[in-house]
């Protein structure tokens, strides 16, 4: 078999990804105007409903304010906030004027925000009360000027409500039309932060063409699934590509979503029972909760026809436990696979026949191959190698960092997997050293750098240890300086002060005589994993 014969192709892409529009701003105007009285978003805590007409009006007013205050096509505006209705309105307003939205984690420390602001260079930042303190501290450390707009009232600062009231330009006329974007593949729509093995996160540039292709794939899934795709409960954070792009997909087809800012078990289950969504979008830790927590039996979840899981692999065992627990006739649990660099899911399992463990087949218009780790040769069915993808969903690139896209346009994921005879894919392992804590990517190198800054640490290495609920927990192995009496608890607390919650050393910290390394100085993480598993024969 030749390499070409081992390239897997998804279904044909729709002929018109743009629905006849010339930009994302124009596409959202078209969609929002279709059903102005339909409910778009329900606040899962307060119960307040927001219609598509309301989203349209506020997006237009906010776009007018931003335009009048110097935000131009190509400028970057950051959002540092938990899920709330103002979030998608801000993104759509930026699309209307051709600006880019940088979506930043509201749980970032000031150190992490300083890095994110430095590489994305936003002219303006929208921030919620949750992230305000860290953002204001970070802004004192950056060199470029950034204006701040608060979603919540704060002192005498400009607020989101002020922007809506002070817009002077009439962007709300039925005849308003955003300017055409001449190069959809070159125009950056969204910037998300993706961790790498070299330390601090990189800025992933997602183009307008990438998002339009994702919308087309979502429409394809909605049409294929039929009336089962009617309403959603959204719990995934919108600064994460899995949540943020999905939120935009749901709005792009006039569906209804119930939105929560965080996972609180009873509130989540109460929303499912009250609003009777047909689809639940979850991550594996929530699947474990659904499978095992006794609280689940107290609520009626019978409306759910499909559970989609992403952001991390869902094991066959947990998937089967969920089926056994919920006992809903016709329930389908489906996985997809994606990463920040693929805009959203680039594979998805949408067949009627159950196949536990698979991440599904390719989305329309995409290509894939599995390559031999040593030779780079494209492998055939049921042969394990590195997953590589190519197509309209692949990012434009990183901000100021080397791209994992090769000269032929293939994105090298660093994930080990294979495809079966049905061309459905499976994930086996990761080449990358990233730790997957819940839906978050935790780079060991960043935690190692923090530990090495401690005056009593001589050397350090961090690995992920398996955990049923979270996937992996970061664990540190530390070599103390000879005269040091520092305790594991003190070092864990030290790290906790400097990183966001998902990066804490929840897997513990162990002192060790020497960090195992190769002759060239590379950490032998496999040896440390053997140690963590109780096999010390290699040390």
Protein backbone atom coordinates (compact mmCIF):
# COMPACT_ATOMS: atom_id res chain seq x y z
CA UNK A 1 0.00 0.00 0.00
CA UNK A 2 1.23 3.48 -0.81
CA UNK A 3 1.19 6.42 1.54
CA UNK A 4 -1.57 8.02 -0.51
CA UNK A 5 -3.85 5.02 -0.06
CA UNK A 6 -3.49 5.33 3.70
CA UNK A 7 -4.76 8.90 3.85
CA UNK A 8 -8.25 8.90 5.37
CA UNK A 9 -10.77 11.36 3.91
CA UNK A 10 -13.90 12.70 5.57
CA UNK A 11 -17.20 13.29 3.76
CA UNK A 12 -17.27 16.00 1.11
CA UNK A 13 -17.40 19.51 2.55
CA UNK A 14 -20.50 21.64 1.89
CA UNK A 15 -20.16 23.64 -1.30
CA UNK A 16 -20.79 26.95 0.48
CA UNK A 17 -19.31 27.19 3.96
CA UNK A 18 -20.27 30.85 4.25
CA UNK A 19 -24.06 30.59 3.62
CA UNK A 20 -23.61 33.36 1.09
CA UNK A 21 -22.09 35.79 3.59
CA UNK A 22 -18.78 37.64 3.35
CA UNK A 23 -17.70 37.54 7.00
CA UNK A 24 -18.54 36.05 10.38
CA UNK A 25 -20.17 39.33 11.35
CA UNK A 26 -22.50 39.16 8.37
CA UNK A 27 -23.26 35.49 9.08
CA UNK A 28 -24.32 36.24 12.67
CA UNK A 29 -26.45 39.18 11.56
CA UNK A 30 -28.24 36.86 9.16
CA UNK A 31 -28.79 34.17 11.81
CA UNK A 32 -29.87 36.52 14.61
CA UNK A 33 -32.37 38.27 12.34
CA UNK A 34 -34.04 34.97 11.39
CA UNK A 35 -35.68 34.27 14.76
CA UNK A 36 -35.61 37.42 16.91
CA UNK A 37 -38.28 36.17 19.34
CA UNK A 38 -36.69 32.73 19.89
CA UNK A 39 -34.87 32.15 23.16
CA UNK A 40 -31.12 31.92 22.62
CA UNK A 41 -29.67 31.72 26.14
CA UNK A 42 -31.16 30.89 29.54
CA UNK A 43 -29.17 31.71 32.67
CA UNK A 44 -29.25 28.39 34.52
CA UNK A 45 -28.99 30.07 37.94
CA UNK A 46 -31.42 32.99 37.64
CA UNK A 47 -33.70 31.56 34.95
CA UNK A 48 -33.53 34.77 32.92
CA UNK A 49 -34.14 34.27 29.21
CA UNK A 50 -32.37 36.17 26.42
CA UNK A 51 -33.78 36.16 22.90
CA UNK A 52 -31.91 36.29 19.61
CA UNK A 53 -33.37 39.76 19.11
CA UNK A 54 -31.83 40.90 22.39
CA UNK A 55 -28.45 39.47 21.42
CA UNK A 56 -28.71 41.22 18.03
CA UNK A 57 -29.56 44.61 19.53
CA UNK A 58 -26.81 44.53 22.15
CA UNK A 59 -24.21 43.24 19.68
CA UNK A 60 -24.97 46.12 17.32
CA UNK A 61 -24.82 48.75 20.08
CA UNK A 62 -21.58 47.34 21.46
CA UNK A 63 -20.06 47.18 17.97
CA UNK A 64 -20.96 50.83 17.47
CA UNK A 65 -19.29 51.81 20.76
CA UNK A 66 -16.13 49.88 19.95
CA UNK A 67 -15.98 51.37 16.46
CA UNK A 68 -16.42 54.90 17.85
CA UNK A 69 -13.64 54.29 20.38
CA UNK A 70 -10.97 53.24 17.93
CA UNK A 71 -11.28 49.46 17.62
CA UNK A 72 -10.54 48.66 13.99
CA UNK A 73 -10.45 45.52 11.80
CA UNK A 74 -7.53 43.34 12.86
CA UNK A 75 -7.31 44.76 16.38
CA UNK A 76 -7.35 42.33 19.32
CA UNK A 77 -9.80 42.65 22.21
CA UNK A 78 -9.50 40.24 25.14
CA UNK A 79 -12.26 38.73 27.27
CA UNK A 80 -11.38 37.51 30.77
CA UNK A 81 -14.59 36.15 32.22
CA UNK A 82 -16.64 33.17 33.26
CA UNK A 83 -19.64 32.13 31.13
CA UNK A 84 -22.30 34.88 31.05
CA UNK A 85 -24.62 36.34 28.43
CA UNK A 86 -22.34 39.34 27.77
CA UNK A 87 -19.61 36.96 26.58
CA UNK A 88 -21.12 35.88 23.22
CA UNK A 89 -22.51 39.37 22.65
CA UNK A 90 -18.98 40.78 22.96
CA UNK A 91 -17.58 38.21 20.52
CA UNK A 92 -20.29 38.87 17.92
CA UNK A 93 -19.78 42.64 18.29
CA UNK A 94 -16.09 42.13 17.54
CA UNK A 95 -16.96 40.03 14.48
CA UNK A 96 -19.25 42.83 13.28
CA UNK A 97 -16.33 45.27 13.11
CA UNK A 98 -13.71 42.73 11.99
CA UNK A 99 -11.72 42.62 15.25
CA UNK A 100 -10.28 39.51 16.94
CA UNK A 101 -11.39 38.09 20.30
CA UNK A 102 -8.70 36.74 22.63
CA UNK A 103 -10.37 34.38 25.12
CA UNK A 104 -8.42 34.23 28.38
CA UNK A 105 -8.93 32.03 31.44
CA UNK A 106 -10.52 34.01 34.31
CA UNK A 107 -8.70 31.68 36.70
CA UNK A 108 -5.28 32.84 35.50
CA UNK A 109 -2.99 34.36 38.09
CA UNK A 110 -1.57 37.83 37.40
CA UNK A 111 1.66 36.13 36.23
CA UNK A 112 -0.22 34.02 33.70
CA UNK A 113 -2.33 36.97 32.55
CA UNK A 114 0.80 39.07 32.08
CA UNK A 115 2.12 36.45 29.67
CA UNK A 116 -1.22 36.15 27.81
CA UNK A 117 -1.59 39.93 27.46
CA UNK A 118 2.01 40.30 26.33
CA UNK A 119 1.64 37.85 23.43
CA UNK A 120 -1.90 38.83 22.35
CA UNK A 121 -1.40 42.62 22.72
CA UNK A 122 -5.10 43.55 23.15
CA UNK A 123 -6.15 47.17 22.76
CA UNK A 124 -9.00 46.60 25.18
CA UNK A 125 -10.02 43.98 27.76
CA UNK A 126 -13.49 43.03 28.97
CA UNK A 127 -13.30 41.57 32.48
CA UNK A 128 -15.68 40.15 35.08
CA UNK A 129 -15.48 40.72 38.81
CA UNK A 130 -14.02 37.23 39.25
CA UNK A 131 -10.86 38.07 37.29
CA UNK A 132 -10.60 41.81 37.94
CA UNK A 133 -7.95 41.75 40.66
CA UNK A 134 -5.52 39.54 38.73
CA UNK A 135 -6.07 41.55 35.54
CA UNK A 136 -5.38 44.92 37.17
CA UNK A 137 -2.19 43.54 38.72
CA UNK A 138 -1.12 42.10 35.37
CA UNK A 139 -1.73 45.37 33.55
CA UNK A 140 0.82 47.05 35.82
CA UNK A 141 3.45 44.64 34.46
CA UNK A 142 2.88 45.00 30.72
CA UNK A 143 4.40 47.66 28.50
CA UNK A 144 1.58 48.28 26.01
CA UNK A 145 -1.49 50.35 26.86
CA UNK A 146 -4.68 48.38 27.45
CA UNK A 147 -8.07 49.85 28.30
CA UNK A 148 -10.40 47.88 30.57
CA UNK A 149 -14.20 47.58 30.45
CA UNK A 150 -15.87 45.86 33.41
CA UNK A 151 -18.83 43.57 32.91
CA UNK A 152 -19.82 44.38 36.52
CA UNK A 153 -20.02 47.77 38.24
CA UNK A 154 -16.67 48.78 39.71
CA UNK A 155 -15.76 52.14 41.22
CA UNK A 156 -15.99 54.72 38.41
CA UNK A 157 -14.69 52.49 35.65
CA UNK A 158 -16.41 52.07 32.30
CA UNK A 159 -18.85 49.18 32.31
CA UNK A 160 -20.49 47.04 29.66
CA UNK A 161 -23.79 48.83 30.32
CA UNK A 162 -22.08 52.19 29.77
CA UNK A 163 -20.91 50.99 26.34
CA UNK A 164 -24.46 50.11 25.29
CA UNK A 165 -25.80 53.46 26.48
CA UNK A 166 -23.02 55.61 25.01
CA UNK A 167 -22.94 54.20 21.47
CA UNK A 168 -23.67 57.06 19.09
CA UNK A 169 -23.39 55.37 15.69
CA UNK A 170 -26.59 53.78 14.35
CA UNK A 171 -25.55 50.17 13.82
CA UNK A 172 -29.01 48.84 14.58
CA UNK A 173 -30.68 49.77 11.30
CA UNK A 174 -32.04 46.78 9.34
CA UNK A 175 -29.82 47.82 6.43
CA UNK A 176 -26.55 47.64 8.40
CA UNK A 177 -24.01 45.30 6.82
CA UNK A 178 -20.46 44.64 8.04
CA UNK A 179 -17.63 45.18 5.60
CA UNK A 180 -16.64 42.16 3.54
CA UNK A 181 -13.53 40.22 4.57
CA UNK A 182 -11.45 39.61 1.47
CA UNK A 183 -9.33 36.83 2.99
CA UNK A 184 -11.35 34.68 5.40
CA UNK A 185 -8.45 32.26 5.89
CA UNK A 186 -6.11 35.09 6.81
CA UNK A 187 -8.46 37.06 9.08
CA UNK A 188 -8.02 36.04 12.73
CA UNK A 189 -11.39 35.68 14.45
CA UNK A 190 -10.43 34.14 17.80
CA UNK A 191 -7.25 33.63 19.80
CA UNK A 192 -7.23 30.90 22.42
CA UNK A 193 -4.39 29.86 24.69
CA UNK A 194 -2.96 26.38 24.21
CA UNK A 195 -0.33 25.00 26.55
CA UNK A 196 2.81 23.45 25.14
CA UNK A 197 5.52 21.29 26.59
CA UNK A 198 7.97 24.19 26.58
CA UNK A 199 6.23 26.13 29.34
CA UNK A 200 3.78 29.00 29.18
CA UNK A 201 0.76 28.86 26.84
CA UNK A 202 0.92 29.77 23.15
CA UNK A 203 -1.65 31.90 21.33
CA UNK A 204 -3.56 29.83 18.76
CA UNK A 205 -4.79 31.88 15.80
CA UNK A 206 -8.19 30.66 14.60
CA UNK A 207 -9.36 32.26 11.37
CA UNK A 208 -12.82 33.26 10.20
CA UNK A 209 -12.58 30.47 7.61
CA UNK A 210 -11.80 27.95 10.38
CA UNK A 211 -14.91 28.95 12.32
CA UNK A 212 -17.14 28.96 9.26
CA UNK A 213 -15.96 25.42 8.47
CA UNK A 214 -16.77 24.40 12.04
CA UNK A 215 -20.25 25.91 11.71
CA UNK A 216 -20.78 23.92 8.50
CA UNK A 217 -19.76 20.71 10.30
CA UNK A 218 -22.14 21.51 13.14
CA UNK A 219 -24.98 22.06 10.68
CA UNK A 220 -24.06 18.70 9.13
CA UNK A 221 -24.35 17.00 12.54
CA UNK A 222 -27.63 18.74 13.36
CA UNK A 223 -29.13 17.63 10.06
CA UNK A 224 -27.84 14.08 10.48
CA UNK A 225 -29.13 13.74 14.04
CA UNK A 226 -32.49 15.29 13.18
CA UNK A 227 -34.80 16.75 15.86
CA UNK A 228 -32.61 15.35 18.66
CA UNK A 229 -30.48 18.50 18.40
CA UNK A 230 -32.88 21.04 19.92
CA UNK A 231 -31.46 22.40 23.15
CA UNK A 232 -28.28 22.18 25.20
CA UNK A 233 -26.97 22.61 28.73
CA UNK A 234 -23.57 24.32 28.49
CA UNK A 235 -21.10 23.91 31.32
CA UNK A 236 -17.78 23.94 29.44
CA UNK A 237 -15.93 27.25 29.93
CA UNK A 238 -16.08 29.53 26.92
CA UNK A 239 -12.42 30.58 27.10
CA UNK A 240 -11.62 26.92 26.32
CA UNK A 241 -11.91 26.10 22.62
CA UNK A 242 -14.18 23.11 23.35
CA UNK A 243 -16.71 25.38 25.06
CA UNK A 244 -16.31 28.71 23.28
CA UNK A 245 -16.50 27.47 19.71
CA UNK A 246 -19.36 25.13 20.61
CA UNK A 247 -21.26 28.07 22.08
CA UNK A 248 -20.85 29.96 18.80
CA UNK A 249 -21.93 26.84 16.86
CA UNK A 250 -25.16 26.59 18.86
CA UNK A 251 -25.95 30.26 18.26
CA UNK A 252 -25.14 29.90 14.54
CA UNK A 253 -28.11 27.56 14.05
CA UNK A 254 -30.66 29.34 16.29
CA UNK A 255 -30.74 26.64 18.98
CA UNK A 256 -31.36 27.24 22.69
CA UNK A 257 -28.78 26.75 25.42
CA UNK A 258 -28.97 26.77 29.21
CA UNK A 259 -25.75 28.32 30.50
CA UNK A 260 -23.91 27.81 33.77
CA UNK A 261 -20.72 29.56 34.81
CA UNK A 262 -19.39 26.55 36.70
CA UNK A 263 -20.24 22.98 37.53
CA UNK A 264 -22.24 22.84 40.74
CA UNK A 265 -23.81 19.35 40.87
CA UNK A 266 -27.30 20.14 42.13
CA UNK A 267 -27.68 23.26 40.00
CA UNK A 268 -26.56 21.32 36.94
CA UNK A 269 -28.96 18.43 37.54
CA UNK A 270 -31.79 20.82 38.39
CA UNK A 271 -31.30 22.59 35.05
CA UNK A 272 -31.46 19.31 33.15
CA UNK A 273 -34.66 18.35 34.96
CA UNK A 274 -36.31 21.78 34.59
CA UNK A 275 -35.37 22.73 31.01
CA UNK A 276 -35.35 19.18 29.60
CA UNK A 277 -32.48 19.59 27.11
CA UNK A 278 -31.98 16.94 24.47
CA UNK A 279 -28.17 17.23 24.44
CA UNK A 280 -25.61 17.37 27.25
CA UNK A 281 -22.06 18.46 26.36
CA UNK A 282 -19.70 17.18 29.03
CA UNK A 283 -16.12 16.25 29.83
CA UNK A 284 -15.03 12.88 31.32
CA UNK A 285 -15.07 14.02 34.99
CA UNK A 286 -18.79 14.88 34.64
CA UNK A 287 -19.33 11.49 33.01
CA UNK A 288 -17.81 9.88 36.13
CA UNK A 289 -20.16 11.99 38.25
CA UNK A 290 -23.18 10.84 36.21
CA UNK A 291 -22.03 7.23 36.47
CA UNK A 292 -21.30 7.07 40.17
CA UNK A 293 -22.77 9.87 42.30
CA UNK A 294 -25.95 8.90 44.22
CA UNK A 295 -27.33 12.43 43.77
CA UNK A 296 -28.02 11.68 40.08
CA UNK A 297 -30.88 9.34 41.01
CA UNK A 298 -32.81 12.24 42.57
CA UNK A 299 -33.36 14.00 39.22
CA UNK A 300 -35.24 13.27 36.00
CA UNK A 301 -32.73 13.26 33.13
CA UNK A 302 -34.99 11.39 30.71
CA UNK A 303 -35.13 14.24 28.16
CA UNK A 304 -31.47 13.72 27.23
CA UNK A 305 -31.19 11.87 23.93
CA UNK A 306 -27.47 12.42 23.38
CA UNK A 307 -24.41 12.99 25.58
CA UNK A 308 -21.37 14.31 23.76
CA UNK A 309 -17.99 14.15 25.47
CA UNK A 310 -14.78 15.88 24.50
CA UNK A 311 -11.66 17.74 25.71
CA UNK A 312 -10.15 14.46 27.01
CA UNK A 313 -10.64 10.74 26.27
CA UNK A 314 -13.69 9.06 27.81
CA UNK A 315 -12.91 5.45 28.65
CA UNK A 316 -15.05 2.58 27.42
CA UNK A 317 -15.60 1.54 31.04
CA UNK A 318 -17.00 4.91 32.16
CA UNK A 319 -19.14 5.19 29.03
CA UNK A 320 -20.74 1.83 29.79
CA UNK A 321 -21.30 2.83 33.43
CA UNK A 322 -23.22 5.92 32.30
CA UNK A 323 -25.45 3.83 30.04
CA UNK A 324 -26.12 1.41 32.91
CA UNK A 325 -26.85 4.19 35.38
CA UNK A 326 -29.18 6.40 33.33
CA UNK A 327 -31.07 3.59 31.58
CA UNK A 328 -32.64 6.10 29.16
CA UNK A 329 -34.12 4.33 26.11
CA UNK A 330 -32.33 5.37 22.93
CA UNK A 331 -29.62 7.36 24.75
CA UNK A 332 -26.49 7.87 22.66
CA UNK A 333 -23.08 8.72 24.13
CA UNK A 334 -20.75 10.08 21.50
CA UNK A 335 -17.14 11.27 21.60
CA UNK A 336 -15.25 13.68 19.44
CA UNK A 337 -11.60 14.62 19.20
CA UNK A 338 -10.17 18.05 18.80
CA UNK A 339 -7.64 20.50 20.15
CA UNK A 340 -7.22 24.25 20.09
CA UNK A 341 -5.22 23.83 16.89
CA UNK A 342 -8.18 22.13 15.10
CA UNK A 343 -10.69 24.88 16.03
CA UNK A 344 -13.03 22.32 17.61
CA UNK A 345 -13.78 18.62 17.04
CA UNK A 346 -12.12 17.31 13.89
CA UNK A 347 -13.53 13.81 14.46
CA UNK A 348 -16.94 12.86 15.84
CA UNK A 349 -18.82 9.60 16.20
CA UNK A 350 -22.36 10.10 14.90
CA UNK A 351 -23.33 6.58 13.84
CA UNK A 352 -26.42 4.96 15.33
CA UNK A 353 -24.46 1.80 16.17
CA UNK A 354 -22.67 2.00 19.55
CA UNK A 355 -18.89 1.68 19.43
CA UNK A 356 -17.50 2.49 22.91
CA UNK A 357 -14.11 4.15 23.04
CA UNK A 358 -14.00 5.57 19.53
CA UNK A 359 -13.54 9.27 18.84
CA UNK A 360 -15.34 8.79 15.54
CA UNK A 361 -14.66 9.54 11.93
CA UNK A 362 -13.44 12.65 10.19
CA UNK A 363 -15.60 15.74 9.86
CA UNK A 364 -16.52 16.84 6.32
CA UNK A 365 -13.68 18.19 4.21
CA UNK A 366 -10.88 16.95 6.50
CA UNK A 367 -7.96 14.57 5.93
CA UNK A 368 -6.07 12.36 8.38
CA UNK A 369 -3.18 9.95 8.49
CA UNK A 370 -1.44 7.88 11.14
CA UNK A 371 2.33 7.99 10.71
CA UNK A 372 5.08 5.69 11.88
CA UNK A 373 7.01 7.37 14.70
CA UNK A 374 10.38 6.49 13.22
CA UNK A 375 9.91 6.71 9.44
CA UNK A 376 6.96 9.10 9.06
CA UNK A 377 5.30 6.59 6.72
CA UNK A 378 1.50 6.68 6.58
CA UNK A 379 0.13 3.53 8.21
CA UNK A 380 -2.90 1.41 7.40
CA UNK A 381 -5.91 0.36 9.51
CA UNK A 382 -5.26 -0.86 13.08
CA UNK A 383 -1.62 0.27 13.03
CA UNK A 384 -0.59 2.65 15.80
CA UNK A 385 1.26 5.88 15.20
CA UNK A 386 0.99 9.66 15.50
CA UNK A 387 -2.28 11.25 14.40
CA UNK A 388 -1.92 13.99 11.78
CA UNK A 389 -4.70 16.14 10.30
CA UNK A 390 -5.14 18.50 7.39
CA UNK A 391 -8.04 20.61 6.20
CA UNK A 392 -10.17 23.69 6.72
CA UNK A 393 -10.31 23.29 10.52
CA UNK A 394 -6.55 23.56 11.07
CA UNK A 395 -5.47 26.79 12.76
CA UNK A 396 -3.67 29.59 10.98
CA UNK A 397 -0.70 29.19 13.35
CA UNK A 398 0.71 30.34 16.69
CA UNK A 399 1.62 33.84 17.80
CA UNK A 400 5.40 34.07 17.73
CA UNK A 401 6.07 30.34 18.12
CA UNK A 402 7.04 27.45 15.87
CA UNK A 403 4.05 25.74 14.29
CA UNK A 404 3.36 21.98 14.50
CA UNK A 405 2.08 22.18 10.89
CA UNK A 406 4.60 20.74 8.42
CA UNK A 407 5.48 22.03 4.96
CA UNK A 408 2.71 19.94 3.38
CA UNK A 409 0.03 21.37 5.67
CA UNK A 410 -0.27 18.43 8.09
CA UNK A 411 -0.84 19.21 11.77
CA UNK A 412 1.19 16.81 13.94
CA UNK A 413 -0.88 16.31 17.09
CA UNK A 414 1.54 14.41 19.28
CA UNK A 415 -1.25 11.92 20.06
CA UNK A 416 -0.85 8.19 19.42
CA UNK A 417 -3.79 6.38 17.90
CA UNK A 418 -5.14 4.32 15.04
CA UNK A 419 -8.20 3.93 12.84
CA UNK A 420 -10.16 0.73 12.32
CA UNK A 421 -11.58 -0.81 9.16
CA UNK A 422 -14.60 1.53 9.39
CA UNK A 423 -12.24 4.54 9.39
CA UNK A 424 -13.22 5.35 13.00
CA UNK A 425 -10.33 6.64 15.11
CA UNK A 426 -9.12 5.69 18.59
CA UNK A 427 -6.67 7.44 20.93
CA UNK A 428 -4.09 5.23 22.64
CA UNK A 429 -1.49 7.50 24.23
CA UNK A 430 0.22 10.87 23.91
CA UNK A 431 3.63 11.76 22.60
CA UNK A 432 3.27 15.14 24.18
CA UNK A 433 4.20 15.58 27.81
CA UNK A 434 1.13 17.61 28.62
CA UNK A 435 -0.84 16.54 31.67
CA UNK A 436 -4.60 16.36 31.08
CA UNK A 437 -6.29 17.53 34.29
CA UNK A 438 -10.02 17.37 33.54
CA UNK A 439 -10.36 19.40 30.33
CA UNK A 440 -7.22 21.42 30.98
CA UNK A 441 -3.76 21.01 29.51
CA UNK A 442 -1.09 21.40 32.19
CA UNK A 443 2.49 21.79 30.89
CA UNK A 444 5.04 20.09 33.20
CA UNK A 445 7.77 22.53 32.14
CA UNK A 446 5.84 25.48 33.58
CA UNK A 447 5.42 23.81 36.99
CA UNK A 448 9.05 22.70 36.94
CA UNK A 449 10.10 26.31 36.31
CA UNK A 450 8.05 27.50 39.29
CA UNK A 451 9.56 24.87 41.57
CA UNK A 452 13.10 25.61 40.38
CA UNK A 453 12.62 29.23 41.40
CA UNK A 454 12.29 28.14 45.03
CA UNK A 455 15.59 28.76 46.84
CA UNK A 456 15.63 25.30 48.46
CA UNK A 457 14.95 23.26 45.30
CA UNK A 458 17.90 21.77 43.45
CA UNK A 459 16.04 19.98 40.65
CA UNK A 460 12.45 19.08 39.79
CA UNK A 461 10.32 17.11 37.38
CA UNK A 462 6.54 16.91 37.02
CA UNK A 463 4.41 14.12 35.57
CA UNK A 464 0.74 13.25 35.44
CA UNK A 465 -0.51 10.37 37.57
CA UNK A 466 -3.76 8.60 36.63
CA UNK A 467 -6.96 9.64 38.41
CA UNK A 468 -10.40 8.20 37.71
CA UNK A 469 -12.28 11.47 38.05
CA UNK A 470 -9.81 14.02 36.69
CA UNK A 471 -7.90 11.96 34.14
CA UNK A 472 -4.48 12.94 35.46
CA UNK A 473 -3.15 14.85 38.47
CA UNK A 474 0.14 16.80 38.40
CA UNK A 475 2.75 15.23 40.68
CA UNK A 476 6.19 16.67 41.35
CA UNK A 477 9.46 14.89 42.06
CA UNK A 478 11.92 17.23 43.74
CA UNK A 479 15.60 17.13 44.67
CA UNK A 480 16.20 19.37 47.69
CA UNK A 481 19.38 21.31 48.23
CA UNK A 482 21.72 19.52 50.62
CA UNK A 483 21.03 21.75 53.66
CA UNK A 484 17.31 22.10 53.07
CA UNK A 485 14.53 21.03 55.43
CA UNK A 486 11.67 22.29 53.27
CA UNK A 487 8.59 20.05 53.43
CA UNK A 488 6.40 18.74 50.58
CA UNK A 489 3.48 20.72 51.99
CA UNK A 490 5.47 23.96 51.88
CA UNK A 491 6.44 23.44 48.25
CA UNK A 492 2.89 22.48 47.24
CA UNK A 493 1.63 25.69 48.87
CA UNK A 494 4.38 27.67 47.12
CA UNK A 495 3.26 26.40 43.71
CA UNK A 496 -0.41 26.99 44.56
CA UNK A 497 0.28 30.70 45.08
CA UNK A 498 1.78 31.05 41.59
CA UNK A 499 -0.48 29.06 39.28
CA UNK A 500 -4.14 28.77 38.39
CA UNK A 501 -6.23 26.08 40.13
CA UNK A 502 -5.97 23.40 37.44
CA UNK A 503 -2.15 23.46 37.68
CA UNK A 504 -1.90 22.76 41.40
CA UNK A 505 0.08 19.71 42.51
CA UNK A 506 -3.00 17.66 43.36
CA UNK A 507 -1.04 14.46 42.76
CA UNK A 508 1.38 15.34 45.55
CA UNK A 509 5.10 16.00 45.81
CA UNK A 510 7.81 13.45 46.54
CA UNK A 511 11.46 14.02 47.33
CA UNK A 512 13.96 12.01 45.31
CA UNK A 513 17.73 11.70 45.27
CA UNK A 514 18.16 12.48 41.58
CA UNK A 515 15.92 13.28 38.62
CA UNK A 516 16.42 10.51 36.02
CA UNK A 517 17.65 12.01 32.75
CA UNK A 518 19.19 11.02 29.43
CA UNK A 519 22.79 11.82 28.61
CA UNK A 520 21.60 14.97 26.88
CA UNK A 521 19.71 16.11 29.96
CA UNK A 522 16.15 15.23 28.94
CA UNK A 523 13.96 14.10 31.82
CA UNK A 524 13.05 10.41 31.68
CA UNK A 525 9.39 10.82 32.51
CA UNK A 526 8.63 7.16 31.80
CA UNK A 527 10.98 6.22 34.64
CA UNK A 528 9.12 8.57 36.95
CA UNK A 529 5.81 7.08 35.85
CA UNK A 530 7.16 3.64 36.74
CA UNK A 531 8.10 5.03 40.16
CA UNK A 532 4.62 6.47 40.60
CA UNK A 533 3.10 3.11 39.69
CA UNK A 534 5.23 1.38 42.31
CA UNK A 535 7.80 -0.09 39.93
CA UNK A 536 11.20 1.25 41.00
CA UNK A 537 13.29 -1.21 39.01
CA UNK A 538 14.44 1.46 36.56
CA UNK A 539 15.67 3.90 39.18
